[in-house]
Amino acid sequence: MVPLTKPERDGDVVSRKLLGFLLSEVKAVRIICKNCHCGFEVNTGGLARVQQKACSFCKNPLVDQPSDAPNPFSQLAQLIELLQRSDTAKCDIEFVVPEDSDLPERASFAHKKPNE
């Protein structure tokens, strides 16, 4: 773990030249198929109701898991809600994408209708 502020001893300091956003700022998520790069956007309050198991466009599964496994979108929604509630969360979560990230390029979000 690297501290966000300079420690009392000499050491690493996190660069603030990055893209960062707090979980409390997240109002919607995009679920994007890794196969065809198409997807849909849903507000965090509606995430628990997402029952879609396959991409509407290419029909690839969105998550490889047994059919009796819990809905991952519902689980994510529960965690987001718990960590965004001011009466339970005593911290905030910041997602950080460094400017010089070696992450693969993200697919652009496709805006098209199924069977187009």
PDB file of N, CA and C in Angstrom:
ATOM      1  N   MET A   1       0.853  -1.170   0.000  1.00  0.00           N
ATOM      2  CA  MET A   1       0.000   0.000   0.000  1.00  0.00           C
ATOM      3  C   MET A   1       0.898   1.231   0.000  1.00  0.00           C
ATOM      4  N   VAL A   2       0.575   2.207  -0.833  1.00  0.00           N
ATOM      5  CA  VAL A   2       1.343   3.438  -0.922  1.00  0.00           C
ATOM      6  C   VAL A   2       0.491   4.560  -0.331  1.00  0.00           C
ATOM      7  N   PRO A   3       1.023   5.316   0.610  1.00  0.00           N
ATOM      8  CA  PRO A   3       0.236   6.394   1.222  1.00  0.00           C
ATOM      9  C   PRO A   3      -0.064   7.511   0.239  1.00  0.00           C
ATOM     10  N   LEU A   4      -1.180   8.218   0.473  1.00  0.00           N
ATOM     11  CA  LEU A   4      -1.561   9.326  -0.393  1.00  0.00           C
ATOM     12  C   LEU A   4      -0.810  10.600  -0.047  1.00  0.00           C
ATOM     13  N   THR A   5      -0.292  10.694   1.146  1.00  0.00           N
ATOM     14  CA  THR A   5       0.483  11.862   1.542  1.00  0.00           C
ATOM     15  C   THR A   5       1.885  11.410   1.877  1.00  0.00           C
ATOM     16  N   LYS A   6       2.818  12.335   1.858  1.00  0.00           N
ATOM     17  CA  LYS A   6       4.210  11.972   2.122  1.00  0.00           C
ATOM     18  C   LYS A   6       4.346  11.446   3.550  1.00  0.00           C
ATOM     19  N   PRO A   7       4.924  10.273   3.681  1.00  0.00           N
ATOM     20  CA  PRO A   7       5.116   9.714   5.022  1.00  0.00           C
ATOM     21  C   PRO A   7       6.220  10.464   5.759  1.00  0.00           C
ATOM     22  N   GLU A   8       6.312  10.216   7.052  1.00  0.00           N
ATOM     23  CA  GLU A   8       7.348  10.871   7.853  1.00  0.00           C
ATOM     24  C   GLU A   8       8.733  10.428   7.424  1.00  0.00           C
ATOM     25  N   ARG A   9       8.847   9.240   6.874  1.00  0.00           N
ATOM     26  CA  ARG A   9      10.124   8.767   6.376  1.00  0.00           C
ATOM     27  C   ARG A   9      10.146   8.968   4.860  1.00  0.00           C
ATOM     28  N   ASP A  10      11.301   8.954   4.260  1.00  0.00           N
ATOM     29  CA  ASP A  10      11.379   9.052   2.799  1.00  0.00           C
ATOM     30  C   ASP A  10      10.785   7.796   2.195  1.00  0.00           C
ATOM     31  N   GLY A  11      10.017   7.957   1.156  1.00  0.00           N
ATOM     32  CA  GLY A  11       9.400   6.798   0.519  1.00  0.00           C
ATOM     33  C   GLY A  11       8.524   7.229  -0.636  1.00  0.00           C
ATOM     34  N   ASP A  12       7.771   6.286  -1.131  1.00  0.00           N
ATOM     35  CA  ASP A  12       6.902   6.550  -2.262  1.00  0.00           C
ATOM     36  C   ASP A  12       5.753   7.461  -1.865  1.00  0.00           C
ATOM     37  N   VAL A  13       5.366   8.311  -2.778  1.00  0.00           N
ATOM     38  CA  VAL A  13       4.193   9.158  -2.630  1.00  0.00           C
ATOM     39  C   VAL A  13       3.358   8.964  -3.883  1.00  0.00           C
ATOM     40  N   VAL A  14       2.079   8.794  -3.720  1.00  0.00           N
ATOM     41  CA  VAL A  14       1.197   8.559  -4.856  1.00  0.00           C
ATOM     42  C   VAL A  14       1.094   9.818  -5.709  1.00  0.00           C
ATOM     43  N   SER A  15       1.245   9.654  -7.001  1.00  0.00           N
ATOM     44  CA  SER A  15       1.063  10.758  -7.930  1.00  0.00           C
ATOM     45  C   SER A  15      -0.399  11.132  -7.979  1.00  0.00           C
ATOM     46  N   ARG A  16      -0.702  12.408  -8.021  1.00  0.00           N
ATOM     47  CA  ARG A  16      -2.085  12.854  -8.134  1.00  0.00           C
ATOM     48  C   ARG A  16      -2.434  13.123  -9.599  1.00  0.00           C
ATOM     49  N   LYS A  17      -1.519  12.803 -10.519  1.00  0.00           N
ATOM     50  CA  LYS A  17      -1.780  12.976 -11.949  1.00  0.00           C
ATOM     51  C   LYS A  17      -2.446  11.704 -12.445  1.00  0.00           C
ATOM     52  N   LEU A  18      -3.759  11.627 -12.248  1.00  0.00           N
ATOM     53  CA  LEU A  18      -4.498  10.416 -12.529  1.00  0.00           C
ATOM     54  C   LEU A  18      -5.970  10.738 -12.643  1.00  0.00           C
ATOM     55  N   LEU A  19      -6.721   9.749 -13.062  1.00  0.00           N
ATOM     56  CA  LEU A  19      -8.169   9.857 -13.061  1.00  0.00           C
ATOM     57  C   LEU A  19      -8.641   9.141 -11.816  1.00  0.00           C
ATOM     58  N   GLY A  20      -9.344   9.844 -10.962  1.00  0.00           N
ATOM     59  CA  GLY A  20      -9.872   9.232  -9.756  1.00  0.00           C
ATOM     60  C   GLY A  20     -11.318   9.645  -9.566  1.00  0.00           C
ATOM     61  N   PHE A  21     -12.115   8.727  -9.080  1.00  0.00           N
ATOM     62  CA  PHE A  21     -13.486   9.074  -8.752  1.00  0.00           C
ATOM     63  C   PHE A  21     -13.913   8.266  -7.545  1.00  0.00           C
ATOM     64  N   LEU A  22     -14.764   8.867  -6.740  1.00  0.00           N
ATOM     65  CA  LEU A  22     -15.221   8.243  -5.513  1.00  0.00           C
ATOM     66  C   LEU A  22     -16.451   7.389  -5.771  1.00  0.00           C
ATOM     67  N   LEU A  23     -16.564   6.316  -5.029  1.00  0.00           N
ATOM     68  CA  LEU A  23     -17.745   5.463  -5.136  1.00  0.00           C
ATOM     69  C   LEU A  23     -19.013   6.270  -4.857  1.00  0.00           C
ATOM     70  N   SER A  24     -18.917   7.233  -3.952  1.00  0.00           N
ATOM     71  CA  SER A  24     -20.089   8.064  -3.633  1.00  0.00           C
ATOM     72  C   SER A  24     -20.536   8.915  -4.819  1.00  0.00           C
ATOM     73  N   GLU A  25     -19.656   9.112  -5.790  1.00  0.00           N
ATOM     74  CA  GLU A  25     -19.985   9.890  -6.985  1.00  0.00           C
ATOM     75  C   GLU A  25     -20.615   9.046  -8.080  1.00  0.00           C
ATOM     76  N   VAL A  26     -20.542   7.734  -7.964  1.00  0.00           N
ATOM     77  CA  VAL A  26     -21.044   6.843  -9.009  1.00  0.00           C
ATOM     78  C   VAL A  26     -22.564   6.804  -8.949  1.00  0.00           C
ATOM     79  N   LYS A  27     -23.201   7.166 -10.045  1.00  0.00           N
ATOM     80  CA  LYS A  27     -24.664   7.175 -10.130  1.00  0.00           C
ATOM     81  C   LYS A  27     -25.179   6.158 -11.135  1.00  0.00           C
ATOM     82  N   ALA A  28     -24.318   5.710 -12.038  1.00  0.00           N
ATOM     83  CA  ALA A  28     -24.711   4.739 -13.061  1.00  0.00           C
ATOM     84  C   ALA A  28     -23.489   3.919 -13.442  1.00  0.00           C
ATOM     85  N   VAL A  29     -23.741   2.745 -13.972  1.00  0.00           N
ATOM     86  CA  VAL A  29     -22.660   1.890 -14.471  1.00  0.00           C
ATOM     87  C   VAL A  29     -23.002   1.439 -15.881  1.00  0.00           C
ATOM     88  N   ARG A  30     -21.976   1.160 -16.647  1.00  0.00           N
ATOM     89  CA  ARG A  30     -22.158   0.601 -17.979  1.00  0.00           C
ATOM     90  C   ARG A  30     -21.686  -0.840 -17.952  1.00  0.00           C
ATOM     91  N   ILE A  31     -22.498  -1.706 -18.457  1.00  0.00           N
ATOM     92  CA  ILE A  31     -22.141  -3.109 -18.580  1.00  0.00           C
ATOM     93  C   ILE A  31     -21.850  -3.332 -20.055  1.00  0.00           C
ATOM     94  N   ILE A  32     -20.586  -3.603 -20.360  1.00  0.00           N
ATOM     95  CA  ILE A  32     -20.128  -3.673 -21.745  1.00  0.00           C
ATOM     96  C   ILE A  32     -19.620  -5.083 -22.037  1.00  0.00           C
ATOM     97  N   CYS A  33     -20.139  -5.663 -23.078  1.00  0.00           N
ATOM     98  CA  CYS A  33     -19.725  -7.008 -23.509  1.00  0.00           C
ATOM     99  C   CYS A  33     -18.278  -6.947 -23.998  1.00  0.00           C
ATOM    100  N   LYS A  34     -17.445  -7.851 -23.524  1.00  0.00           N
ATOM    101  CA  LYS A  34     -16.048  -7.891 -23.957  1.00  0.00           C
ATOM    102  C   LYS A  34     -15.904  -8.486 -25.349  1.00  0.00           C
ATOM    103  N   ASN A  35     -16.952  -9.136 -25.858  1.00  0.00           N
ATOM    104  CA  ASN A  35     -16.895  -9.744 -27.178  1.00  0.00           C
ATOM    105  C   ASN A  35     -17.210  -8.726 -28.280  1.00  0.00           C
ATOM    106  N   CYS A  36     -18.367  -8.060 -28.189  1.00  0.00           N
ATOM    107  CA  CYS A  36     -18.777  -7.152 -29.274  1.00  0.00           C
ATOM    108  C   CYS A  36     -18.694  -5.675 -28.890  1.00  0.00           C
ATOM    109  N   HIS A  37     -18.367  -5.383 -27.633  1.00  0.00           N
ATOM    110  CA  HIS A  37     -18.179  -4.028 -27.133  1.00  0.00           C
ATOM    111  C   HIS A  37     -19.474  -3.217 -27.085  1.00  0.00           C
ATOM    112  N   CYS A  38     -20.601  -3.884 -27.155  1.00  0.00           N
ATOM    113  CA  CYS A  38     -21.888  -3.221 -26.997  1.00  0.00           C
ATOM    114  C   CYS A  38     -22.306  -3.354 -25.540  1.00  0.00           C
ATOM    115  N   GLY A  39     -23.219  -2.532 -25.122  1.00  0.00           N
ATOM    116  CA  GLY A  39     -23.620  -2.629 -23.738  1.00  0.00           C
ATOM    117  C   GLY A  39     -24.811  -1.780 -23.412  1.00  0.00           C
ATOM    118  N   PHE A  40     -25.048  -1.642 -22.117  1.00  0.00           N
ATOM    119  CA  PHE A  40     -26.157  -0.830 -21.645  1.00  0.00           C
ATOM    120  C   PHE A  40     -25.752  -0.147 -20.356  1.00  0.00           C
ATOM    121  N   GLU A  41     -26.448   0.917 -20.057  1.00  0.00           N
ATOM    122  CA  GLU A  41     -26.184   1.705 -18.866  1.00  0.00           C
ATOM    123  C   GLU A  41     -27.379   1.592 -17.936  1.00  0.00           C
ATOM    124  N   VAL A  42     -27.093   1.480 -16.657  1.00  0.00           N
ATOM    125  CA  VAL A  42     -28.158   1.371 -15.661  1.00  0.00           C
ATOM    126  C   VAL A  42     -27.736   2.177 -14.442  1.00  0.00           C
ATOM    127  N   ASN A  43     -28.710   2.858 -13.807  1.00  0.00           N
ATOM    128  CA  ASN A  43     -28.351   3.596 -12.597  1.00  0.00           C
ATOM    129  C   ASN A  43     -28.074   2.597 -11.484  1.00  0.00           C
ATOM    130  N   THR A  44     -27.312   3.016 -10.495  1.00  0.00           N
ATOM    131  CA  THR A  44     -26.900   2.090  -9.446  1.00  0.00           C
ATOM    132  C   THR A  44     -28.102   1.531  -8.687  1.00  0.00           C
ATOM    133  N   GLY A  45     -29.169   2.299  -8.571  1.00  0.00           N
ATOM    134  CA  GLY A  45     -30.369   1.811  -7.901  1.00  0.00           C
ATOM    135  C   GLY A  45     -31.055   0.696  -8.665  1.00  0.00           C
ATOM    136  N   GLY A  46     -30.884   0.654  -9.980  1.00  0.00           N
ATOM    137  CA  GLY A  46     -31.500  -0.374 -10.809  1.00  0.00           C
ATOM    138  C   GLY A  46     -30.607  -1.566 -11.073  1.00  0.00           C
ATOM    139  N   LEU A  47     -29.361  -1.493 -10.637  1.00  0.00           N
ATOM    140  CA  LEU A  47     -28.391  -2.556 -10.904  1.00  0.00           C
ATOM    141  C   LEU A  47     -28.829  -3.887 -10.317  1.00  0.00           C
ATOM    142  N   ALA A  48     -29.462  -3.862  -9.160  1.00  0.00           N
ATOM    143  CA  ALA A  48     -29.893  -5.109  -8.506  1.00  0.00           C
ATOM    144  C   ALA A  48     -30.947  -5.843  -9.326  1.00  0.00           C
ATOM    145  N   ARG A  49     -31.663  -5.123 -10.178  1.00  0.00           N
ATOM    146  CA  ARG A  49     -32.721  -5.737 -10.980  1.00  0.00           C
ATOM    147  C   ARG A  49     -32.234  -6.276 -12.322  1.00  0.00           C
ATOM    148  N   VAL A  50     -30.954  -6.093 -12.627  1.00  0.00           N
ATOM    149  CA  VAL A  50     -30.417  -6.594 -13.894  1.00  0.00           C
ATOM    150  C   VAL A  50     -30.373  -8.116 -13.826  1.00  0.00           C
ATOM    151  N   GLN A  51     -31.159  -8.749 -14.670  1.00  0.00           N
ATOM    152  CA  GLN A  51     -31.207 -10.211 -14.726  1.00  0.00           C
ATOM    153  C   GLN A  51     -30.576 -10.748 -16.002  1.00  0.00           C
ATOM    154  N   GLN A  52     -30.088  -9.850 -16.830  1.00  0.00           N
ATOM    155  CA  GLN A  52     -29.537 -10.219 -18.134  1.00  0.00           C
ATOM    156  C   GLN A  52     -28.291 -11.080 -17.960  1.00  0.00           C
ATOM    157  N   LYS A  53     -28.301 -12.246 -18.560  1.00  0.00           N
ATOM    158  CA  LYS A  53     -27.168 -13.161 -18.454  1.00  0.00           C
ATOM    159  C   LYS A  53     -26.308 -13.160 -19.710  1.00  0.00           C
ATOM    160  N   ALA A  54     -26.860 -12.653 -20.813  1.00  0.00           N
ATOM    161  CA  ALA A  54     -26.129 -12.651 -22.085  1.00  0.00           C
ATOM    162  C   ALA A  54     -26.267 -11.286 -22.755  1.00  0.00           C
ATOM    163  N   CYS A  55     -25.318 -10.978 -23.592  1.00  0.00           N
ATOM    164  CA  CYS A  55     -25.332  -9.730 -24.355  1.00  0.00           C
ATOM    165  C   CYS A  55     -26.537  -9.715 -25.286  1.00  0.00           C
ATOM    166  N   SER A  56     -27.237  -8.603 -25.318  1.00  0.00           N
ATOM    167  CA  SER A  56     -28.404  -8.463 -26.198  1.00  0.00           C
ATOM    168  C   SER A  56     -28.012  -8.448 -27.669  1.00  0.00           C
ATOM    169  N   PHE A  57     -26.766  -8.153 -27.955  1.00  0.00           N
ATOM    170  CA  PHE A  57     -26.329  -7.989 -29.331  1.00  0.00           C
ATOM    171  C   PHE A  57     -25.708  -9.262 -29.905  1.00  0.00           C
ATOM    172  N   CYS A  58     -24.711  -9.815 -29.202  1.00  0.00           N
ATOM    173  CA  CYS A  58     -24.021 -10.990 -29.752  1.00  0.00           C
ATOM    174  C   CYS A  58     -24.384 -12.292 -29.032  1.00  0.00           C
ATOM    175  N   LYS A  59     -25.160 -12.179 -27.958  1.00  0.00           N
ATOM    176  CA  LYS A  59     -25.646 -13.342 -27.183  1.00  0.00           C
ATOM    177  C   LYS A  59     -24.557 -14.051 -26.379  1.00  0.00           C
ATOM    178  N   ASN A  60     -23.353 -13.483 -26.318  1.00  0.00           N
ATOM    179  CA  ASN A  60     -22.307 -14.051 -25.464  1.00  0.00           C
ATOM    180  C   ASN A  60     -22.694 -13.881 -24.000  1.00  0.00           C
ATOM    181  N   PRO A  61     -22.314 -14.828 -23.129  1.00  0.00           N
ATOM    182  CA  PRO A  61     -22.606 -14.652 -21.704  1.00  0.00           C
ATOM    183  C   PRO A  61     -21.863 -13.435 -21.153  1.00  0.00           C
ATOM    184  N   LEU A  62     -22.515 -12.695 -20.274  1.00  0.00           N
ATOM    185  CA  LEU A  62     -21.869 -11.539 -19.654  1.00  0.00           C
ATOM    186  C   LEU A  62     -20.922 -11.980 -18.537  1.00  0.00           C
ATOM    187  N   VAL A  63     -21.247 -13.081 -17.879  1.00  0.00           N
ATOM    188  CA  VAL A  63     -20.412 -13.633 -16.810  1.00  0.00           C
ATOM    189  C   VAL A  63     -20.459 -15.153 -16.932  1.00  0.00           C
ATOM    190  N   ASP A  64     -19.299 -15.788 -16.960  1.00  0.00           N
ATOM    191  CA  ASP A  64     -19.259 -17.250 -16.944  1.00  0.00           C
ATOM    192  C   ASP A  64     -19.357 -17.719 -15.506  1.00  0.00           C
ATOM    193  N   GLN A  65     -20.481 -18.336 -15.175  1.00  0.00           N
ATOM    194  CA  GLN A  65     -20.680 -18.854 -13.827  1.00  0.00           C
ATOM    195  C   GLN A  65     -21.779 -19.903 -13.867  1.00  0.00           C
ATOM    196  N   PRO A  66     -21.833 -20.757 -12.862  1.00  0.00           N
ATOM    197  CA  PRO A  66     -22.911 -21.753 -12.828  1.00  0.00           C
ATOM    198  C   PRO A  66     -24.277 -21.081 -12.765  1.00  0.00           C
ATOM    199  N   SER A  67     -25.282 -21.756 -13.301  1.00  0.00           N
ATOM    200  CA  SER A  67     -26.625 -21.172 -13.347  1.00  0.00           C
ATOM    201  C   SER A  67     -27.213 -20.925 -11.958  1.00  0.00           C
ATOM    202  N   ASP A  68     -26.750 -21.676 -10.950  1.00  0.00           N
ATOM    203  CA  ASP A  68     -27.284 -21.485  -9.605  1.00  0.00           C
ATOM    204  C   ASP A  68     -26.474 -20.476  -8.778  1.00  0.00           C
ATOM    205  N   ALA A  69     -25.465 -19.844  -9.389  1.00  0.00           N
ATOM    206  CA  ALA A  69     -24.645 -18.850  -8.686  1.00  0.00           C
ATOM    207  C   ALA A  69     -25.452 -17.570  -8.473  1.00  0.00           C
ATOM    208  N   PRO A  70     -25.151 -16.828  -7.414  1.00  0.00           N
ATOM    209  CA  PRO A  70     -25.852 -15.562  -7.170  1.00  0.00           C
ATOM    210  C   PRO A  70     -25.630 -14.578  -8.321  1.00  0.00           C
ATOM    211  N   ASN A  71     -26.600 -13.722  -8.542  1.00  0.00           N
ATOM    212  CA  ASN A  71     -26.519 -12.703  -9.581  1.00  0.00           C
ATOM    213  C   ASN A  71     -25.409 -11.711  -9.219  1.00  0.00           C
ATOM    214  N   PRO A  72     -24.333 -11.623 -10.026  1.00  0.00           N
ATOM    215  CA  PRO A  72     -23.229 -10.731  -9.675  1.00  0.00           C
ATOM    216  C   PRO A  72     -23.623  -9.257  -9.696  1.00  0.00           C
ATOM    217  N   PHE A  73     -24.566  -8.880 -10.537  1.00  0.00           N
ATOM    218  CA  PHE A  73     -24.995  -7.481 -10.603  1.00  0.00           C
ATOM    219  C   PHE A  73     -25.759  -7.099  -9.341  1.00  0.00           C
ATOM    220  N   SER A  74     -26.556  -8.022  -8.839  1.00  0.00           N
ATOM    221  CA  SER A  74     -27.285  -7.787  -7.593  1.00  0.00           C
ATOM    222  C   SER A  74     -26.313  -7.667  -6.422  1.00  0.00           C
ATOM    223  N   GLN A  75     -25.303  -8.532  -6.401  1.00  0.00           N
ATOM    224  CA  GLN A  75     -24.300  -8.463  -5.339  1.00  0.00           C
ATOM    225  C   GLN A  75     -23.537  -7.137  -5.389  1.00  0.00           C
ATOM    226  N   LEU A  76     -23.172  -6.705  -6.596  1.00  0.00           N
ATOM    227  CA  LEU A  76     -22.484  -5.427  -6.752  1.00  0.00           C
ATOM    228  C   LEU A  76     -23.362  -4.287  -6.268  1.00  0.00           C
ATOM    229  N   ALA A  77     -24.635  -4.320  -6.626  1.00  0.00           N
ATOM    230  CA  ALA A  77     -25.573  -3.274  -6.202  1.00  0.00           C
ATOM    231  C   ALA A  77     -25.671  -3.195  -4.680  1.00  0.00           C
ATOM    232  N   GLN A  78     -25.717  -4.351  -4.028  1.00  0.00           N
ATOM    233  CA  GLN A  78     -25.801  -4.373  -2.562  1.00  0.00           C
ATOM    234  C   GLN A  78     -24.566  -3.743  -1.926  1.00  0.00           C
ATOM    235  N   LEU A  79     -23.397  -4.058  -2.456  1.00  0.00           N
ATOM    236  CA  LEU A  79     -22.160  -3.494  -1.915  1.00  0.00           C
ATOM    237  C   LEU A  79     -22.068  -1.992  -2.163  1.00  0.00           C
ATOM    238  N   ILE A  80     -22.446  -1.556  -3.367  1.00  0.00           N
ATOM    239  CA  ILE A  80     -22.429  -0.121  -3.669  1.00  0.00           C
ATOM    240  C   ILE A  80     -23.359   0.612  -2.717  1.00  0.00           C
ATOM    241  N   GLU A  81     -24.572   0.077  -2.538  1.00  0.00           N
ATOM    242  CA  GLU A  81     -25.539   0.736  -1.664  1.00  0.00           C
ATOM    243  C   GLU A  81     -25.021   0.809  -0.227  1.00  0.00           C
ATOM    244  N   LEU A  82     -24.443  -0.268   0.276  1.00  0.00           N
ATOM    245  CA  LEU A  82     -23.907  -0.294   1.630  1.00  0.00           C
ATOM    246  C   LEU A  82     -22.795   0.741   1.801  1.00  0.00           C
ATOM    247  N   LEU A  83     -21.893   0.809   0.807  1.00  0.00           N
ATOM    248  CA  LEU A  83     -20.754   1.719   0.910  1.00  0.00           C
ATOM    249  C   LEU A  83     -21.095   3.173   0.570  1.00  0.00           C
ATOM    250  N   GLN A  84     -22.273   3.415  -0.003  1.00  0.00           N
ATOM    251  CA  GLN A  84     -22.688   4.794  -0.292  1.00  0.00           C
ATOM    252  C   GLN A  84     -23.581   5.368   0.799  1.00  0.00           C
ATOM    253  N   ARG A  85     -24.132   4.522   1.644  1.00  0.00           N
ATOM    254  CA  ARG A  85     -25.042   4.994   2.695  1.00  0.00           C
ATOM    255  C   ARG A  85     -24.259   5.731   3.771  1.00  0.00           C
ATOM    256  N   SER A  86     -24.702   6.931   4.078  1.00  0.00           N
ATOM    257  CA  SER A  86     -23.983   7.739   5.059  1.00  0.00           C
ATOM    258  C   SER A  86     -24.122   7.181   6.475  1.00  0.00           C
ATOM    259  N   ASP A  87     -25.162   6.389   6.742  1.00  0.00           N
ATOM    260  CA  ASP A  87     -25.327   5.851   8.096  1.00  0.00           C
ATOM    261  C   ASP A  87     -24.488   4.597   8.340  1.00  0.00           C
ATOM    262  N   THR A  88     -23.970   3.957   7.292  1.00  0.00           N
ATOM    263  CA  THR A  88     -23.152   2.754   7.485  1.00  0.00           C
ATOM    264  C   THR A  88     -21.704   2.956   7.050  1.00  0.00           C
ATOM    265  N   ALA A  89     -21.489   3.702   5.993  1.00  0.00           N
ATOM    266  CA  ALA A  89     -20.134   3.880   5.460  1.00  0.00           C
ATOM    267  C   ALA A  89     -19.423   5.001   6.210  1.00  0.00           C
ATOM    268  N   LYS A  90     -18.305   4.686   6.770  1.00  0.00           N
ATOM    269  CA  LYS A  90     -17.496   5.674   7.485  1.00  0.00           C
ATOM    270  C   LYS A  90     -16.212   5.978   6.722  1.00  0.00           C
ATOM    271  N   CYS A  91     -16.224   5.619   5.444  1.00  0.00           N
ATOM    272  CA  CYS A  91     -15.098   5.904   4.562  1.00  0.00           C
ATOM    273  C   CYS A  91     -15.667   6.055   3.160  1.00  0.00           C
ATOM    274  N   ASP A  92     -14.826   6.433   2.232  1.00  0.00           N
ATOM    275  CA  ASP A  92     -15.228   6.451   0.829  1.00  0.00           C
ATOM    276  C   ASP A  92     -14.194   5.633   0.070  1.00  0.00           C
ATOM    277  N   ILE A  93     -14.599   5.102  -1.048  1.00  0.00           N
ATOM    278  CA  ILE A  93     -13.725   4.294  -1.882  1.00  0.00           C
ATOM    279  C   ILE A  93     -13.399   5.105  -3.127  1.00  0.00           C
ATOM    280  N   GLU A  94     -12.114   5.256  -3.427  1.00  0.00           N
ATOM    281  CA  GLU A  94     -11.716   5.972  -4.638  1.00  0.00           C
ATOM    282  C   GLU A  94     -11.140   4.970  -5.629  1.00  0.00           C
ATOM    283  N   PHE A  95     -11.676   5.004  -6.848  1.00  0.00           N
ATOM    284  CA  PHE A  95     -11.147   4.207  -7.943  1.00  0.00           C
ATOM    285  C   PHE A  95     -10.136   5.076  -8.673  1.00  0.00           C
ATOM    286  N   VAL A  96      -8.982   4.510  -8.965  1.00  0.00           N
ATOM    287  CA  VAL A  96      -7.892   5.288  -9.538  1.00  0.00           C
ATOM    288  C   VAL A  96      -7.390   4.627 -10.813  1.00  0.00           C
ATOM    289  N   VAL A  97      -7.309   5.416 -11.883  1.00  0.00           N
ATOM    290  CA  VAL A  97      -6.724   4.963 -13.133  1.00  0.00           C
ATOM    291  C   VAL A  97      -5.570   5.918 -13.432  1.00  0.00           C
ATOM    292  N   PRO A  98      -4.326   5.465 -13.262  1.00  0.00           N
ATOM    293  CA  PRO A  98      -3.178   6.338 -13.522  1.00  0.00           C
ATOM    294  C   PRO A  98      -3.138   6.778 -14.980  1.00  0.00           C
ATOM    295  N   GLU A  99      -2.658   7.979 -15.189  1.00  0.00           N
ATOM    296  CA  GLU A  99      -2.556   8.516 -16.544  1.00  0.00           C
ATOM    297  C   GLU A  99      -1.654   7.652 -17.418  1.00  0.00           C
ATOM    298  N   ASP A 100      -0.604   7.113 -16.835  1.00  0.00           N
ATOM    299  CA  ASP A 100       0.339   6.297 -17.606  1.00  0.00           C
ATOM    300  C   ASP A 100       0.052   4.811 -17.437  1.00  0.00           C
ATOM    301  N   SER A 101      -1.203   4.488 -17.298  1.00  0.00           N
ATOM    302  CA  SER A 101      -1.621   3.113 -17.050  1.00  0.00           C
ATOM    303  C   SER A 101      -1.257   2.204 -18.217  1.00  0.00           C
ATOM    304  N   ASP A 102      -0.870   0.982 -17.886  1.00  0.00           N
ATOM    305  CA  ASP A 102      -0.583  -0.028 -18.900  1.00  0.00           C
ATOM    306  C   ASP A 102      -1.816  -0.880 -19.191  1.00  0.00           C
ATOM    307  N   LEU A 103      -2.969  -0.417 -18.756  1.00  0.00           N
ATOM    308  CA  LEU A 103      -4.194  -1.166 -18.990  1.00  0.00           C
ATOM    309  C   LEU A 103      -4.499  -1.200 -20.479  1.00  0.00           C
ATOM    310  N   PRO A 104      -5.130  -2.273 -20.960  1.00  0.00           N
ATOM    311  CA  PRO A 104      -5.480  -2.319 -22.377  1.00  0.00           C
ATOM    312  C   PRO A 104      -6.503  -1.232 -22.701  1.00  0.00           C
ATOM    313  N   GLU A 105      -6.526  -0.849 -23.965  1.00  0.00           N
ATOM    314  CA  GLU A 105      -7.500   0.162 -24.380  1.00  0.00           C
ATOM    315  C   GLU A 105      -8.903  -0.342 -24.135  1.00  0.00           C
ATOM    316  N   ARG A 106      -9.759   0.560 -23.643  1.00  0.00           N
ATOM    317  CA  ARG A 106     -11.152   0.190 -23.414  1.00  0.00           C
ATOM    318  C   ARG A 106     -11.919   0.285 -24.717  1.00  0.00           C
ATOM    319  N   ALA A 107     -12.872  -0.575 -24.846  1.00  0.00           N
ATOM    320  CA  ALA A 107     -13.744  -0.515 -26.016  1.00  0.00           C
ATOM    321  C   ALA A 107     -14.637   0.696 -25.872  1.00  0.00           C
ATOM    322  N   SER A 108     -14.971   1.297 -26.976  1.00  0.00           N
ATOM    323  CA  SER A 108     -15.909   2.406 -26.896  1.00  0.00           C
ATOM    324  C   SER A 108     -17.302   1.837 -26.668  1.00  0.00           C
ATOM    325  N   PHE A 109     -18.095   2.582 -25.973  1.00  0.00           N
ATOM    326  CA  PHE A 109     -19.447   2.143 -25.645  1.00  0.00           C
ATOM    327  C   PHE A 109     -20.300   2.246 -26.900  1.00  0.00           C
ATOM    328  N   ALA A 110     -20.850   1.137 -27.323  1.00  0.00           N
ATOM    329  CA  ALA A 110     -21.619   1.113 -28.560  1.00  0.00           C
ATOM    330  C   ALA A 110     -23.072   1.480 -28.281  1.00  0.00           C
ATOM    331  N   HIS A 111     -23.591   2.377 -29.056  1.00  0.00           N
ATOM    332  CA  HIS A 111     -24.987   2.780 -28.961  1.00  0.00           C
ATOM    333  C   HIS A 111     -25.722   2.250 -30.194  1.00  0.00           C
ATOM    334  N   LYS A 112     -26.200   1.062 -30.094  1.00  0.00           N
ATOM    335  CA  LYS A 112     -26.981   0.528 -31.197  1.00  0.00           C
ATOM    336  C   LYS A 112     -28.034  -0.403 -30.635  1.00  0.00           C
ATOM    337  N   LYS A 113     -29.032  -0.665 -31.421  1.00  0.00           N
ATOM    338  CA  LYS A 113     -30.136  -1.522 -30.986  1.00  0.00           C
ATOM    339  C   LYS A 113     -29.836  -2.972 -31.345  1.00  0.00           C
ATOM    340  N   PRO A 114     -30.360  -3.926 -30.535  1.00  0.00           N
ATOM    341  CA  PRO A 114     -30.154  -5.335 -30.886  1.00  0.00           C
ATOM    342  C   PRO A 114     -30.630  -5.619 -32.303  1.00  0.00           C
ATOM    343  N   ASN A 115     -29.971  -6.556 -32.956  1.00  0.00           N
ATOM    344  CA  ASN A 115     -30.304  -6.976 -34.327  1.00  0.00           C
ATOM    345  C   ASN A 115     -30.108  -5.876 -35.346  1.00  0.00           C
ATOM    346  N   GLU A 116     -29.273  -4.896 -35.040  1.00  0.00           N
ATOM    347  CA  GLU A 116     -29.015  -3.795 -35.970  1.00  0.00           C
ATOM    348  C   GLU A 116     -27.914  -4.175 -36.933  1.00  0.00           C
TER     349      GLU A 116
END
